[in-house]
Amino acid sequence: MIERFKQFFDKHLSPPADDENVSQDRLHLATTALLVEMTRADGSVQEEEQVAVSRAISKAFNIEESKTAELIQLAEIEISDSTCYHQFTSLINKSFSKTQKTQVVEMLWEVAYADAEMEKYEEQLLRRLSDLLYVPHAEFIQAKLRVKARLGLE
């Protein structure tokens, strides 16, 4: 099993020969890693947050449940081995449009609000990731309001 993870990382996370062509798998893994990190922001991972990550990934990337579970498992390993968010946000910044990056921030809000609570560390991480993704503050707030409305938290 460890060998399978190593092969996946070698295939999808090693720097691409052509930096302009980032594989979809790498982008999916980078996005998933940020969502997984959001579940850890307040020091305890809630089941509702894990479900929100799975649902967001499945919906955003139109992938089946087994691939989503594998992606989350790989992201958990990758995020625990990383020292900063740059490796994830830089991939997203290179390949995602402004709208797609705002959608990532919206997914982060969904995970943060999944347990119907907003801890200060979750909001701090969200602000930090939003800044690293170059999402303007107004769009950051609009994403938050859309999620709160969708989840009935207003």
N, C-alpha and C. Protein backbone atom coordinates (compact mmCIF):
# COMPACT_ATOMS: atom_id res chain seq x y z
N MET A 1 0.82 -1.19 0.00
CA MET A 1 0.00 0.00 0.00
C MET A 1 0.87 1.26 0.00
N ILE A 2 1.93 1.27 0.80
CA ILE A 2 2.85 2.40 0.83
C ILE A 2 3.45 2.62 -0.55
N GLU A 3 3.77 1.54 -1.21
CA GLU A 3 4.34 1.65 -2.56
C GLU A 3 3.35 2.31 -3.52
N ARG A 4 2.06 2.01 -3.36
CA ARG A 4 1.03 2.61 -4.21
C ARG A 4 0.99 4.13 -4.00
N PHE A 5 1.10 4.57 -2.73
CA PHE A 5 1.12 5.99 -2.44
C PHE A 5 2.35 6.65 -3.07
N LYS A 6 3.48 5.98 -2.93
CA LYS A 6 4.72 6.52 -3.49
C LYS A 6 4.60 6.66 -5.00
N GLN A 7 4.03 5.67 -5.65
CA GLN A 7 3.85 5.74 -7.10
C GLN A 7 2.92 6.88 -7.48
N PHE A 8 1.84 7.04 -6.71
CA PHE A 8 0.90 8.13 -6.99
C PHE A 8 1.61 9.47 -6.84
N PHE A 9 2.38 9.65 -5.76
CA PHE A 9 3.09 10.91 -5.54
C PHE A 9 4.10 11.15 -6.64
N ASP A 10 4.85 10.12 -7.00
CA ASP A 10 5.84 10.28 -8.06
C ASP A 10 5.18 10.69 -9.38
N LYS A 11 4.04 10.10 -9.64
CA LYS A 11 3.35 10.38 -10.90
C LYS A 11 2.68 11.75 -10.89
N HIS A 12 2.05 12.10 -9.77
CA HIS A 12 1.19 13.28 -9.76
C HIS A 12 1.76 14.49 -9.03
N LEU A 13 2.74 14.31 -8.17
CA LEU A 13 3.22 15.45 -7.38
C LEU A 13 4.63 15.89 -7.70
N SER A 14 5.38 15.07 -8.40
CA SER A 14 6.71 15.53 -8.76
C SER A 14 6.57 16.68 -9.74
N PRO A 15 7.49 17.62 -9.74
CA PRO A 15 7.34 18.79 -10.61
C PRO A 15 7.18 18.39 -12.06
N PRO A 16 6.22 18.98 -12.74
CA PRO A 16 5.98 18.62 -14.13
C PRO A 16 7.12 19.12 -15.02
N ALA A 17 7.34 18.42 -16.10
CA ALA A 17 8.37 18.83 -17.05
C ALA A 17 8.01 20.19 -17.65
N ASP A 18 6.74 20.40 -17.89
CA ASP A 18 6.23 21.66 -18.44
C ASP A 18 5.35 22.30 -17.38
N ASP A 19 5.87 23.30 -16.69
CA ASP A 19 5.15 23.91 -15.57
C ASP A 19 3.79 24.47 -15.95
N GLU A 20 3.56 24.75 -17.23
CA GLU A 20 2.28 25.33 -17.63
C GLU A 20 1.18 24.28 -17.71
N ASN A 21 1.55 23.03 -17.80
CA ASN A 21 0.56 21.96 -17.90
C ASN A 21 0.55 21.15 -16.61
N VAL A 22 -0.32 21.55 -15.71
CA VAL A 22 -0.46 20.86 -14.43
C VAL A 22 -1.57 19.84 -14.57
N SER A 23 -1.30 18.60 -14.20
CA SER A 23 -2.30 17.55 -14.38
C SER A 23 -3.50 17.78 -13.48
N GLN A 24 -4.63 17.31 -13.93
CA GLN A 24 -5.86 17.42 -13.15
C GLN A 24 -5.72 16.71 -11.81
N ASP A 25 -5.06 15.57 -11.79
CA ASP A 25 -4.87 14.84 -10.54
C ASP A 25 -4.12 15.68 -9.52
N ARG A 26 -3.11 16.38 -9.97
CA ARG A 26 -2.34 17.24 -9.06
C ARG A 26 -3.20 18.38 -8.53
N LEU A 27 -4.01 18.95 -9.39
CA LEU A 27 -4.90 20.03 -8.95
C LEU A 27 -5.94 19.52 -7.97
N HIS A 28 -6.49 18.36 -8.25
CA HIS A 28 -7.46 17.77 -7.34
C HIS A 28 -6.83 17.49 -5.98
N LEU A 29 -5.61 16.96 -6.00
CA LEU A 29 -4.92 16.65 -4.75
C LEU A 29 -4.59 17.94 -3.98
N ALA A 30 -4.16 18.97 -4.67
CA ALA A 30 -3.84 20.24 -4.00
C ALA A 30 -5.09 20.84 -3.35
N THR A 31 -6.19 20.83 -4.06
CA THR A 31 -7.45 21.35 -3.53
C THR A 31 -7.91 20.52 -2.34
N THR A 32 -7.86 19.22 -2.48
CA THR A 32 -8.27 18.33 -1.39
C THR A 32 -7.39 18.53 -0.17
N ALA A 33 -6.11 18.73 -0.37
CA ALA A 33 -5.20 18.95 0.77
C ALA A 33 -5.60 20.20 1.55
N LEU A 34 -5.99 21.26 0.86
CA LEU A 34 -6.43 22.47 1.56
C LEU A 34 -7.70 22.21 2.35
N LEU A 35 -8.61 21.45 1.76
CA LEU A 35 -9.87 21.13 2.46
C LEU A 35 -9.59 20.25 3.68
N VAL A 36 -8.70 19.30 3.54
CA VAL A 36 -8.34 18.44 4.67
C VAL A 36 -7.70 19.28 5.78
N GLU A 37 -6.87 20.21 5.39
CA GLU A 37 -6.24 21.08 6.39
C GLU A 37 -7.30 21.90 7.13
N MET A 38 -8.34 22.30 6.42
CA MET A 38 -9.42 23.06 7.07
C MET A 38 -10.10 22.21 8.15
N THR A 39 -10.22 20.91 7.93
CA THR A 39 -10.84 20.06 8.96
C THR A 39 -10.01 20.01 10.22
N ARG A 40 -8.71 20.25 10.10
CA ARG A 40 -7.79 20.18 11.23
C ARG A 40 -7.56 21.52 11.92
N ALA A 41 -8.09 22.59 11.37
CA ALA A 41 -7.78 23.94 11.83
C ALA A 41 -8.10 24.18 13.29
N ASP A 42 -9.20 23.61 13.77
CA ASP A 42 -9.60 23.88 15.16
C ASP A 42 -9.09 22.82 16.14
N GLY A 43 -8.26 21.93 15.67
CA GLY A 43 -7.66 20.95 16.56
C GLY A 43 -8.41 19.64 16.69
N SER A 44 -9.63 19.58 16.18
CA SER A 44 -10.38 18.32 16.22
C SER A 44 -11.15 18.16 14.91
N VAL A 45 -11.01 17.00 14.32
CA VAL A 45 -11.67 16.71 13.06
C VAL A 45 -13.04 16.10 13.36
N GLN A 46 -14.07 16.77 12.90
CA GLN A 46 -15.44 16.31 13.11
C GLN A 46 -15.91 15.49 11.91
N GLU A 47 -16.78 14.54 12.15
CA GLU A 47 -17.30 13.70 11.08
C GLU A 47 -18.02 14.55 10.02
N GLU A 48 -18.74 15.57 10.47
CA GLU A 48 -19.46 16.46 9.55
C GLU A 48 -18.48 17.14 8.59
N GLU A 49 -17.31 17.50 9.09
CA GLU A 49 -16.30 18.15 8.25
C GLU A 49 -15.75 17.17 7.22
N GLN A 50 -15.52 15.94 7.64
CA GLN A 50 -15.03 14.92 6.71
C GLN A 50 -16.04 14.67 5.60
N VAL A 51 -17.31 14.61 5.97
CA VAL A 51 -18.37 14.41 4.97
C VAL A 51 -18.41 15.60 4.02
N ALA A 52 -18.24 16.81 4.55
CA ALA A 52 -18.25 18.01 3.72
C ALA A 52 -17.10 18.00 2.72
N VAL A 53 -15.93 17.55 3.15
CA VAL A 53 -14.79 17.45 2.23
C VAL A 53 -15.11 16.47 1.11
N SER A 54 -15.59 15.31 1.47
CA SER A 54 -15.92 14.29 0.48
C SER A 54 -16.97 14.79 -0.51
N ARG A 55 -18.00 15.41 0.01
CA ARG A 55 -19.08 15.93 -0.84
C ARG A 55 -18.57 17.03 -1.77
N ALA A 56 -17.76 17.94 -1.23
CA ALA A 56 -17.24 19.05 -2.03
C ALA A 56 -16.34 18.55 -3.16
N ILE A 57 -15.47 17.60 -2.84
CA ILE A 57 -14.54 17.06 -3.84
C ILE A 57 -15.31 16.31 -4.93
N SER A 58 -16.22 15.47 -4.50
CA SER A 58 -17.00 14.68 -5.44
C SER A 58 -17.79 15.58 -6.39
N LYS A 59 -18.40 16.60 -5.84
CA LYS A 59 -19.21 17.53 -6.64
C LYS A 59 -18.34 18.40 -7.55
N ALA A 60 -17.28 18.97 -7.00
CA ALA A 60 -16.45 19.89 -7.76
C ALA A 60 -15.72 19.22 -8.92
N PHE A 61 -15.25 18.00 -8.70
CA PHE A 61 -14.44 17.33 -9.70
C PHE A 61 -15.16 16.19 -10.41
N ASN A 62 -16.42 15.98 -10.04
CA ASN A 62 -17.25 14.96 -10.69
C ASN A 62 -16.54 13.60 -10.70
N ILE A 63 -16.14 13.16 -9.51
CA ILE A 63 -15.47 11.86 -9.40
C ILE A 63 -16.26 10.96 -8.46
N GLU A 64 -16.11 9.65 -8.67
CA GLU A 64 -16.88 8.69 -7.87
C GLU A 64 -16.33 8.59 -6.45
N GLU A 65 -17.11 7.96 -5.61
CA GLU A 65 -16.82 7.87 -4.17
C GLU A 65 -15.48 7.22 -3.87
N SER A 66 -15.14 6.14 -4.56
CA SER A 66 -13.88 5.44 -4.26
C SER A 66 -12.67 6.32 -4.60
N LYS A 67 -12.73 7.03 -5.71
CA LYS A 67 -11.63 7.92 -6.09
C LYS A 67 -11.55 9.09 -5.10
N THR A 68 -12.71 9.58 -4.65
CA THR A 68 -12.74 10.65 -3.66
C THR A 68 -12.07 10.21 -2.37
N ALA A 69 -12.40 9.02 -1.91
CA ALA A 69 -11.81 8.49 -0.67
C ALA A 69 -10.30 8.35 -0.81
N GLU A 70 -9.84 7.85 -1.95
CA GLU A 70 -8.40 7.70 -2.18
C GLU A 70 -7.72 9.06 -2.21
N LEU A 71 -8.36 10.02 -2.85
CA LEU A 71 -7.81 11.37 -2.94
C LEU A 71 -7.68 12.00 -1.56
N ILE A 72 -8.68 11.82 -0.73
CA ILE A 72 -8.64 12.36 0.64
C ILE A 72 -7.53 11.70 1.44
N GLN A 73 -7.40 10.39 1.30
CA GLN A 73 -6.35 9.66 2.01
C GLN A 73 -4.97 10.15 1.59
N LEU A 74 -4.78 10.34 0.30
CA LEU A 74 -3.49 10.84 -0.19
C LEU A 74 -3.24 12.28 0.27
N ALA A 75 -4.30 13.08 0.27
CA ALA A 75 -4.16 14.47 0.72
C ALA A 75 -3.79 14.55 2.19
N GLU A 76 -4.36 13.67 3.00
CA GLU A 76 -4.01 13.64 4.42
C GLU A 76 -2.53 13.34 4.63
N ILE A 77 -2.00 12.43 3.86
CA ILE A 77 -0.58 12.10 3.94
C ILE A 77 0.25 13.29 3.46
N GLU A 78 -0.14 13.85 2.35
CA GLU A 78 0.61 14.96 1.77
C GLU A 78 0.61 16.18 2.69
N ILE A 79 -0.52 16.51 3.28
CA ILE A 79 -0.60 17.68 4.14
C ILE A 79 0.20 17.46 5.43
N SER A 80 0.24 16.24 5.91
CA SER A 80 1.01 15.98 7.14
C SER A 80 2.51 16.05 6.87
N ASP A 81 2.92 15.82 5.64
CA ASP A 81 4.34 15.89 5.28
C ASP A 81 4.78 17.29 4.84
N SER A 82 3.84 18.18 4.63
CA SER A 82 4.20 19.51 4.12
C SER A 82 4.53 20.47 5.26
N THR A 83 5.27 21.49 4.92
CA THR A 83 5.63 22.51 5.91
C THR A 83 4.93 23.84 5.64
N CYS A 84 4.35 23.99 4.46
CA CYS A 84 3.63 25.21 4.14
C CYS A 84 2.58 24.91 3.08
N TYR A 85 1.78 25.90 2.78
CA TYR A 85 0.69 25.73 1.82
C TYR A 85 1.09 26.09 0.40
N HIS A 86 2.29 26.60 0.23
CA HIS A 86 2.73 27.08 -1.08
C HIS A 86 2.63 26.02 -2.17
N GLN A 87 3.04 24.80 -1.85
CA GLN A 87 3.01 23.76 -2.89
C GLN A 87 1.61 23.51 -3.40
N PHE A 88 0.61 23.75 -2.57
CA PHE A 88 -0.78 23.54 -2.98
C PHE A 88 -1.34 24.79 -3.66
N THR A 89 -1.15 25.93 -3.02
CA THR A 89 -1.73 27.16 -3.57
C THR A 89 -1.07 27.58 -4.88
N SER A 90 0.22 27.30 -5.02
CA SER A 90 0.89 27.67 -6.27
C SER A 90 0.34 26.88 -7.46
N LEU A 91 0.05 25.61 -7.26
CA LEU A 91 -0.55 24.81 -8.33
C LEU A 91 -1.92 25.36 -8.71
N ILE A 92 -2.70 25.68 -7.70
CA ILE A 92 -4.04 26.21 -7.94
C ILE A 92 -3.95 27.56 -8.64
N ASN A 93 -3.05 28.42 -8.19
CA ASN A 93 -2.90 29.74 -8.80
C ASN A 93 -2.47 29.66 -10.26
N LYS A 94 -1.63 28.69 -10.58
CA LYS A 94 -1.16 28.53 -11.97
C LYS A 94 -2.26 28.08 -12.91
N SER A 95 -3.20 27.29 -12.40
CA SER A 95 -4.12 26.60 -13.30
C SER A 95 -5.58 27.01 -13.17
N PHE A 96 -5.98 27.53 -12.04
CA PHE A 96 -7.39 27.86 -11.84
C PHE A 96 -7.66 29.31 -12.20
N SER A 97 -8.85 29.54 -12.73
CA SER A 97 -9.29 30.90 -13.02
C SER A 97 -9.68 31.59 -11.71
N LYS A 98 -9.94 32.86 -11.79
CA LYS A 98 -10.38 33.63 -10.62
C LYS A 98 -11.67 33.02 -10.05
N THR A 99 -12.57 32.64 -10.92
CA THR A 99 -13.83 32.03 -10.50
C THR A 99 -13.60 30.70 -9.82
N GLN A 100 -12.73 29.88 -10.37
CA GLN A 100 -12.43 28.58 -9.77
C GLN A 100 -11.78 28.73 -8.40
N LYS A 101 -10.91 29.71 -8.25
CA LYS A 101 -10.27 29.93 -6.96
C LYS A 101 -11.30 30.40 -5.93
N THR A 102 -12.26 31.20 -6.36
CA THR A 102 -13.34 31.61 -5.46
C THR A 102 -14.18 30.40 -5.07
N GLN A 103 -14.37 29.46 -5.99
CA GLN A 103 -15.10 28.23 -5.68
C GLN A 103 -14.34 27.40 -4.65
N VAL A 104 -13.01 27.40 -4.71
CA VAL A 104 -12.21 26.69 -3.71
C VAL A 104 -12.44 27.33 -2.34
N VAL A 105 -12.46 28.65 -2.29
CA VAL A 105 -12.71 29.34 -1.03
C VAL A 105 -14.11 29.00 -0.52
N GLU A 106 -15.06 28.91 -1.41
CA GLU A 106 -16.42 28.52 -1.02
C GLU A 106 -16.44 27.11 -0.44
N MET A 107 -15.69 26.20 -1.05
CA MET A 107 -15.61 24.84 -0.51
C MET A 107 -14.98 24.85 0.88
N LEU A 108 -13.98 25.70 1.08
CA LEU A 108 -13.36 25.83 2.40
C LEU A 108 -14.36 26.33 3.43
N TRP A 109 -15.19 27.30 3.04
CA TRP A 109 -16.25 27.78 3.95
C TRP A 109 -17.21 26.64 4.29
N GLU A 110 -17.57 25.83 3.30
CA GLU A 110 -18.49 24.71 3.54
C GLU A 110 -17.92 23.74 4.57
N VAL A 111 -16.64 23.48 4.47
CA VAL A 111 -16.01 22.58 5.43
C VAL A 111 -15.96 23.23 6.82
N ALA A 112 -15.62 24.50 6.85
CA ALA A 112 -15.53 25.20 8.14
C ALA A 112 -16.89 25.26 8.84
N TYR A 113 -17.96 25.43 8.08
CA TYR A 113 -19.30 25.52 8.67
C TYR A 113 -20.01 24.17 8.78
N ALA A 114 -19.36 23.10 8.37
CA ALA A 114 -20.01 21.78 8.37
C ALA A 114 -20.51 21.36 9.74
N ASP A 115 -19.79 21.75 10.79
CA ASP A 115 -20.21 21.40 12.15
C ASP A 115 -21.04 22.52 12.79
N ALA A 116 -21.50 23.46 11.96
CA ALA A 116 -22.36 24.58 12.36
C ALA A 116 -21.67 25.54 13.34
N GLU A 117 -20.35 25.47 13.42
CA GLU A 117 -19.58 26.38 14.27
C GLU A 117 -18.43 26.95 13.47
N MET A 118 -18.08 28.19 13.79
CA MET A 118 -16.91 28.79 13.16
C MET A 118 -15.92 29.13 14.27
N GLU A 119 -14.89 28.31 14.36
CA GLU A 119 -13.83 28.55 15.34
C GLU A 119 -12.89 29.63 14.80
N LYS A 120 -12.25 30.37 15.69
CA LYS A 120 -11.38 31.45 15.25
C LYS A 120 -10.22 30.94 14.40
N TYR A 121 -9.73 29.75 14.70
CA TYR A 121 -8.62 29.21 13.91
C TYR A 121 -9.06 28.83 12.51
N GLU A 122 -10.31 28.40 12.37
CA GLU A 122 -10.83 28.08 11.04
C GLU A 122 -10.91 29.35 10.20
N GLU A 123 -11.43 30.42 10.79
CA GLU A 123 -11.53 31.66 10.02
C GLU A 123 -10.15 32.23 9.70
N GLN A 124 -9.21 32.12 10.61
CA GLN A 124 -7.85 32.58 10.34
C GLN A 124 -7.24 31.82 9.17
N LEU A 125 -7.41 30.50 9.17
CA LEU A 125 -6.88 29.69 8.07
C LEU A 125 -7.57 30.04 6.77
N LEU A 126 -8.85 30.23 6.82
CA LEU A 126 -9.60 30.60 5.61
C LEU A 126 -9.10 31.92 5.04
N ARG A 127 -8.89 32.90 5.89
CA ARG A 127 -8.38 34.20 5.43
C ARG A 127 -6.99 34.04 4.82
N ARG A 128 -6.17 33.26 5.47
CA ARG A 128 -4.80 33.04 4.98
C ARG A 128 -4.80 32.36 3.62
N LEU A 129 -5.58 31.28 3.49
CA LEU A 129 -5.64 30.56 2.22
C LEU A 129 -6.25 31.43 1.12
N SER A 130 -7.25 32.20 1.47
CA SER A 130 -7.87 33.11 0.50
C SER A 130 -6.84 34.12 -0.01
N ASP A 131 -6.04 34.65 0.89
CA ASP A 131 -4.97 35.57 0.49
C ASP A 131 -3.95 34.88 -0.41
N LEU A 132 -3.57 33.66 -0.05
CA LEU A 132 -2.59 32.92 -0.85
C LEU A 132 -3.13 32.57 -2.24
N LEU A 133 -4.45 32.48 -2.35
CA LEU A 133 -5.08 32.20 -3.64
C LEU A 133 -5.43 33.48 -4.40
N TYR A 134 -5.09 34.62 -3.83
CA TYR A 134 -5.35 35.92 -4.43
C TYR A 134 -6.83 36.17 -4.69
N VAL A 135 -7.65 35.71 -3.77
CA VAL A 135 -9.09 35.96 -3.85
C VAL A 135 -9.34 37.28 -3.11
N PRO A 136 -9.90 38.28 -3.80
CA PRO A 136 -10.16 39.56 -3.15
C PRO A 136 -11.09 39.42 -1.95
N HIS A 137 -10.91 40.31 -0.99
CA HIS A 137 -11.68 40.24 0.25
C HIS A 137 -13.19 40.26 -0.01
N ALA A 138 -13.64 41.07 -0.95
CA ALA A 138 -15.07 41.15 -1.25
C ALA A 138 -15.60 39.79 -1.71
N GLU A 139 -14.84 39.08 -2.52
CA GLU A 139 -15.27 37.76 -2.99
C GLU A 139 -15.20 36.73 -1.86
N PHE A 140 -14.23 36.90 -0.99
CA PHE A 140 -14.10 36.05 0.20
C PHE A 140 -15.37 36.16 1.05
N ILE A 141 -15.83 37.38 1.27
CA ILE A 141 -17.04 37.62 2.07
C ILE A 141 -18.28 37.11 1.33
N GLN A 142 -18.37 37.36 0.03
CA GLN A 142 -19.52 36.88 -0.75
C GLN A 142 -19.59 35.35 -0.72
N ALA A 143 -18.45 34.69 -0.81
CA ALA A 143 -18.42 33.22 -0.73
C ALA A 143 -18.95 32.76 0.63
N LYS A 144 -18.54 33.44 1.67
CA LYS A 144 -19.01 33.11 3.03
C LYS A 144 -20.52 33.27 3.13
N LEU A 145 -21.04 34.36 2.61
CA LEU A 145 -22.49 34.61 2.68
C LEU A 145 -23.28 33.59 1.87
N ARG A 146 -22.77 33.21 0.70
CA ARG A 146 -23.45 32.19 -0.11
C ARG A 146 -23.51 30.86 0.63
N VAL A 147 -22.42 30.48 1.25
CA VAL A 147 -22.39 29.21 2.00
C VAL A 147 -23.32 29.26 3.19
N LYS A 148 -23.27 30.34 3.94
CA LYS A 148 -24.16 30.47 5.10
C LYS A 148 -25.62 30.39 4.68
N ALA A 149 -25.98 31.03 3.58
CA ALA A 149 -27.34 30.98 3.08
C ALA A 149 -27.72 29.56 2.65
N ARG A 150 -26.82 28.92 1.94
CA ARG A 150 -27.06 27.56 1.45
C ARG A 150 -27.24 26.57 2.61
N LEU A 151 -26.47 26.79 3.68
CA LEU A 151 -26.54 25.89 4.83
C LEU A 151 -27.58 26.32 5.87
N GLY A 152 -28.24 27.43 5.62
CA GLY A 152 -29.28 27.90 6.53
C GLY A 152 -28.71 28.40 7.85
N LEU A 153 -27.57 29.05 7.81
CA LEU A 153 -26.93 29.51 9.04
C LEU A 153 -27.09 31.00 9.29
N GLU A 154 -27.96 31.64 8.58
CA GLU A 154 -28.12 33.08 8.77
C GLU A 154 -29.12 33.42 9.83
